[in-house]
Amino acid sequence: EDFTKNGQRYDLIFAVNGYHSLADYKRALNPGGAYVFIGGSIAAMFQAMLLGPLVSMTGKQKMGSMGVAQPNQKDLVFMKELLEADKVVPVIDRRYPLRETAEALRYLEKGHAKGKVVITVDQNNNTSR
């Protein structure tokens, strides 16, 4: 289901796979909501970086890119607690052995990943699935 078209509104959108347009994300935000671009297509990155601040100035919603985070002990402990409580759950779309890295990158470039794509490295130097 495409969350930008289901009619539901959100207070915060972290666009990890930011493949929707800035207008799609804006439509899915509550007034006063925030959109943070973390990753995705080059076009989405430029929209977030260049148009996000303009959209933020003209409305109540805040839109922009993540930038470079400066993690600190307090934030890392907080994230650890969220992960341990299953309040933040990583989504793994696919796993590829190291020898299939090129195939994994092609899959990512298509923009269809619904979660993280993981490259696995077998410690016994065995790269079979």
C-alpha atoms as a PDB file:
ATOM      1  CA  GLU A   1       0.000   0.000   0.000  1.00  0.00           C
ATOM      2  CA  ASP A   2       1.253   3.475  -0.878  1.00  0.00           C
ATOM      3  CA  PHE A   3       1.044   5.453   2.365  1.00  0.00           C
ATOM      4  CA  THR A   4       1.118   8.764   0.466  1.00  0.00           C
ATOM      5  CA  LYS A   5      -2.221   7.905  -1.175  1.00  0.00           C
ATOM      6  CA  ASN A   6      -4.166   6.157   1.601  1.00  0.00           C
ATOM      7  CA  GLY A   7      -5.609   9.379   3.063  1.00  0.00           C
ATOM      8  CA  GLN A   8      -3.905   8.949   6.438  1.00  0.00           C
ATOM      9  CA  ARG A   9      -1.828  11.856   7.797  1.00  0.00           C
ATOM     10  CA  TYR A  10       1.402  11.583   9.765  1.00  0.00           C
ATOM     11  CA  ASP A  11       3.274  13.772  12.240  1.00  0.00           C
ATOM     12  CA  LEU A  12       6.675  12.533  11.085  1.00  0.00           C
ATOM     13  CA  ILE A  13       7.895  10.860   7.912  1.00  0.00           C
ATOM     14  CA  PHE A  14      11.451   9.506   7.727  1.00  0.00           C
ATOM     15  CA  ALA A  15      11.976   8.855   4.028  1.00  0.00           C
ATOM     16  CA  VAL A  16      14.614   6.143   4.116  1.00  0.00           C
ATOM     17  CA  ASN A  17      13.793   5.097   0.559  1.00  0.00           C
ATOM     18  CA  GLY A  18      12.649   8.530  -0.581  1.00  0.00           C
ATOM     19  CA  TYR A  19      11.207   7.702  -3.990  1.00  0.00           C
ATOM     20  CA  HIS A  20       8.035   9.782  -3.775  1.00  0.00           C
ATOM     21  CA  SER A  21       7.844  13.411  -4.809  1.00  0.00           C
ATOM     22  CA  LEU A  22       8.055  16.158  -2.226  1.00  0.00           C
ATOM     23  CA  ALA A  23       4.390  16.950  -2.980  1.00  0.00           C
ATOM     24  CA  ASP A  24       3.414  13.353  -2.106  1.00  0.00           C
ATOM     25  CA  TYR A  25       5.145  13.587   1.268  1.00  0.00           C
ATOM     26  CA  LYS A  26       3.658  17.026   1.950  1.00  0.00           C
ATOM     27  CA  ARG A  27       0.172  15.670   1.236  1.00  0.00           C
ATOM     28  CA  ALA A  28       0.734  12.840   3.756  1.00  0.00           C
ATOM     29  CA  LEU A  29       1.844  15.182   6.572  1.00  0.00           C
ATOM     30  CA  ASN A  30      -0.336  16.648   9.290  1.00  0.00           C
ATOM     31  CA  PRO A  31      -0.173  20.423   9.698  1.00  0.00           C
ATOM     32  CA  GLY A  32       2.943  20.985  11.780  1.00  0.00           C
ATOM     33  CA  GLY A  33       4.334  17.605  10.687  1.00  0.00           C
ATOM     34  CA  ALA A  34       7.916  17.002   9.613  1.00  0.00           C
ATOM     35  CA  TYR A  35       9.440  15.203   6.624  1.00  0.00           C
ATOM     36  CA  VAL A  36      13.067  14.104   6.850  1.00  0.00           C
ATOM     37  CA  PHE A  37      14.834  12.725   3.792  1.00  0.00           C
ATOM     38  CA  ILE A  38      17.416  10.094   4.698  1.00  0.00           C
ATOM     39  CA  GLY A  39      17.944   8.203   1.447  1.00  0.00           C
ATOM     40  CA  GLY A  40      16.514   7.507  -1.970  1.00  0.00           C
ATOM     41  CA  SER A  41      16.806   8.670  -5.521  1.00  0.00           C
ATOM     42  CA  ILE A  42      19.016  11.544  -6.648  1.00  0.00           C
ATOM     43  CA  ALA A  43      15.922  13.501  -7.725  1.00  0.00           C
ATOM     44  CA  ALA A  44      14.323  13.073  -4.287  1.00  0.00           C
ATOM     45  CA  MET A  45      17.560  14.158  -2.624  1.00  0.00           C
ATOM     46  CA  PHE A  46      17.702  17.381  -4.634  1.00  0.00           C
ATOM     47  CA  GLN A  47      14.011  18.073  -3.994  1.00  0.00           C
ATOM     48  CA  ALA A  48      14.529  17.676  -0.248  1.00  0.00           C
ATOM     49  CA  MET A  49      17.685  19.787  -0.194  1.00  0.00           C
ATOM     50  CA  LEU A  50      16.582  22.565  -2.544  1.00  0.00           C
ATOM     51  CA  LEU A  51      12.802  22.721  -2.314  1.00  0.00           C
ATOM     52  CA  GLY A  52      12.338  21.448   1.243  1.00  0.00           C
ATOM     53  CA  PRO A  53      13.456  24.698   2.905  1.00  0.00           C
ATOM     54  CA  LEU A  54      11.209  26.723   0.558  1.00  0.00           C
ATOM     55  CA  VAL A  55       8.186  24.562   1.342  1.00  0.00           C
ATOM     56  CA  SER A  56       8.989  24.876   5.052  1.00  0.00           C
ATOM     57  CA  MET A  57       8.966  28.681   4.825  1.00  0.00           C
ATOM     58  CA  THR A  58       5.566  28.788   3.110  1.00  0.00           C
ATOM     59  CA  GLY A  59       3.660  26.388   5.350  1.00  0.00           C
ATOM     60  CA  LYS A  60       3.430  24.819   8.777  1.00  0.00           C
ATOM     61  CA  GLN A  61       5.132  21.606   7.707  1.00  0.00           C
ATOM     62  CA  LYS A  62       8.891  21.192   7.978  1.00  0.00           C
ATOM     63  CA  MET A  63      10.599  19.456   5.084  1.00  0.00           C
ATOM     64  CA  GLY A  64      14.281  18.814   4.520  1.00  0.00           C
ATOM     65  CA  SER A  65      17.210  16.442   4.513  1.00  0.00           C
ATOM     66  CA  MET A  66      18.842  14.756   7.470  1.00  0.00           C
ATOM     67  CA  GLY A  67      22.340  16.121   7.026  1.00  0.00           C
ATOM     68  CA  VAL A  68      25.148  14.593   9.037  1.00  0.00           C
ATOM     69  CA  ALA A  69      24.108  13.326  12.439  1.00  0.00           C
ATOM     70  CA  GLN A  70      26.304  13.845  15.469  1.00  0.00           C
ATOM     71  CA  PRO A  71      25.451  10.817  17.633  1.00  0.00           C
ATOM     72  CA  ASN A  72      25.971  11.091  21.353  1.00  0.00           C
ATOM     73  CA  GLN A  73      25.795   8.596  24.214  1.00  0.00           C
ATOM     74  CA  LYS A  74      22.292   9.642  25.306  1.00  0.00           C
ATOM     75  CA  ASP A  75      20.841   9.263  21.791  1.00  0.00           C
ATOM     76  CA  LEU A  76      22.548   5.912  21.237  1.00  0.00           C
ATOM     77  CA  VAL A  77      21.209   4.548  24.540  1.00  0.00           C
ATOM     78  CA  PHE A  78      17.726   5.798  23.606  1.00  0.00           C
ATOM     79  CA  MET A  79      17.909   4.073  20.196  1.00  0.00           C
ATOM     80  CA  LYS A  80      19.165   0.875  21.858  1.00  0.00           C
ATOM     81  CA  GLU A  81      16.158   0.915  24.205  1.00  0.00           C
ATOM     82  CA  LEU A  82      13.742   1.457  21.314  1.00  0.00           C
ATOM     83  CA  LEU A  83      15.283  -1.444  19.391  1.00  0.00           C
ATOM     84  CA  GLU A  84      15.218  -3.756  22.416  1.00  0.00           C
ATOM     85  CA  ALA A  85      11.551  -2.885  23.045  1.00  0.00           C
ATOM     86  CA  ASP A  86      10.718  -3.666  19.382  1.00  0.00           C
ATOM     87  CA  LYS A  87       9.444  -0.108  18.906  1.00  0.00           C
ATOM     88  CA  VAL A  88      11.848   0.355  16.007  1.00  0.00           C
ATOM     89  CA  VAL A  89      12.095  -2.666  13.771  1.00  0.00           C
ATOM     90  CA  PRO A  90      14.523  -2.766  10.856  1.00  0.00           C
ATOM     91  CA  VAL A  91      12.975  -4.084   7.666  1.00  0.00           C
ATOM     92  CA  ILE A  92      15.198  -6.239   5.489  1.00  0.00           C
ATOM     93  CA  ASP A  93      13.894  -6.564   1.953  1.00  0.00           C
ATOM     94  CA  ARG A  94      16.543  -8.893   0.529  1.00  0.00           C
ATOM     95  CA  ARG A  95      19.893 -10.445   1.331  1.00  0.00           C
ATOM     96  CA  TYR A  96      22.636 -11.027  -1.225  1.00  0.00           C
ATOM     97  CA  PRO A  97      25.938 -12.844  -0.784  1.00  0.00           C
ATOM     98  CA  LEU A  98      29.024 -10.711  -1.338  1.00  0.00           C
ATOM     99  CA  ARG A  99      29.629 -12.208  -4.782  1.00  0.00           C
ATOM    100  CA  GLU A 100      26.207 -10.858  -5.916  1.00  0.00           C
ATOM    101  CA  THR A 101      26.812  -7.256  -4.848  1.00  0.00           C
ATOM    102  CA  ALA A 102      26.376  -5.991  -8.418  1.00  0.00           C
ATOM    103  CA  GLU A 103      22.947  -7.652  -8.603  1.00  0.00           C
ATOM    104  CA  ALA A 104      22.003  -6.094  -5.249  1.00  0.00           C
ATOM    105  CA  LEU A 105      22.966  -2.643  -6.524  1.00  0.00           C
ATOM    106  CA  ARG A 106      20.914  -3.152  -9.691  1.00  0.00           C
ATOM    107  CA  TYR A 107      17.934  -4.084  -7.528  1.00  0.00           C
ATOM    108  CA  LEU A 108      18.373  -0.931  -5.440  1.00  0.00           C
ATOM    109  CA  GLU A 109      18.694   1.264  -8.532  1.00  0.00           C
ATOM    110  CA  LYS A 110      15.268   0.084  -9.709  1.00  0.00           C
ATOM    111  CA  GLY A 111      13.790   1.792  -6.636  1.00  0.00           C
ATOM    112  CA  HIS A 112      11.579  -1.097  -5.545  1.00  0.00           C
ATOM    113  CA  ALA A 113      13.244  -1.996  -2.249  1.00  0.00           C
ATOM    114  CA  LYS A 114      10.747  -1.998   0.627  1.00  0.00           C
ATOM    115  CA  GLY A 115      13.481  -2.108   3.250  1.00  0.00           C
ATOM    116  CA  LYS A 116      17.206  -2.537   3.568  1.00  0.00           C
ATOM    117  CA  VAL A 117      19.169  -4.637   1.115  1.00  0.00           C
ATOM    118  CA  VAL A 118      21.872  -6.541   2.969  1.00  0.00           C
ATOM    119  CA  ILE A 119      25.152  -7.880   1.619  1.00  0.00           C
ATOM    120  CA  THR A 120      26.181 -10.940   3.606  1.00  0.00           C
ATOM    121  CA  VAL A 121      29.767 -11.979   4.143  1.00  0.00           C
ATOM    122  CA  ASP A 122      30.308 -15.558   5.220  1.00  0.00           C
ATOM    123  CA  GLN A 123      33.139 -15.740   7.748  1.00  0.00           C
ATOM    124  CA  ASN A 124      34.157 -19.134   6.367  1.00  0.00           C
ATOM    125  CA  ASN A 125      34.727 -17.560   2.941  1.00  0.00           C
ATOM    126  CA  ASN A 126      31.709 -19.462   1.613  1.00  0.00           C
ATOM    127  CA  THR A 127      29.608 -17.095  -0.519  1.00  0.00           C
ATOM    128  CA  SER A 128      26.795 -19.487  -1.408  1.00  0.00           C
ATOM    129  CA  ARG A 129      23.230 -18.645  -0.364  1.00  0.00           C
END
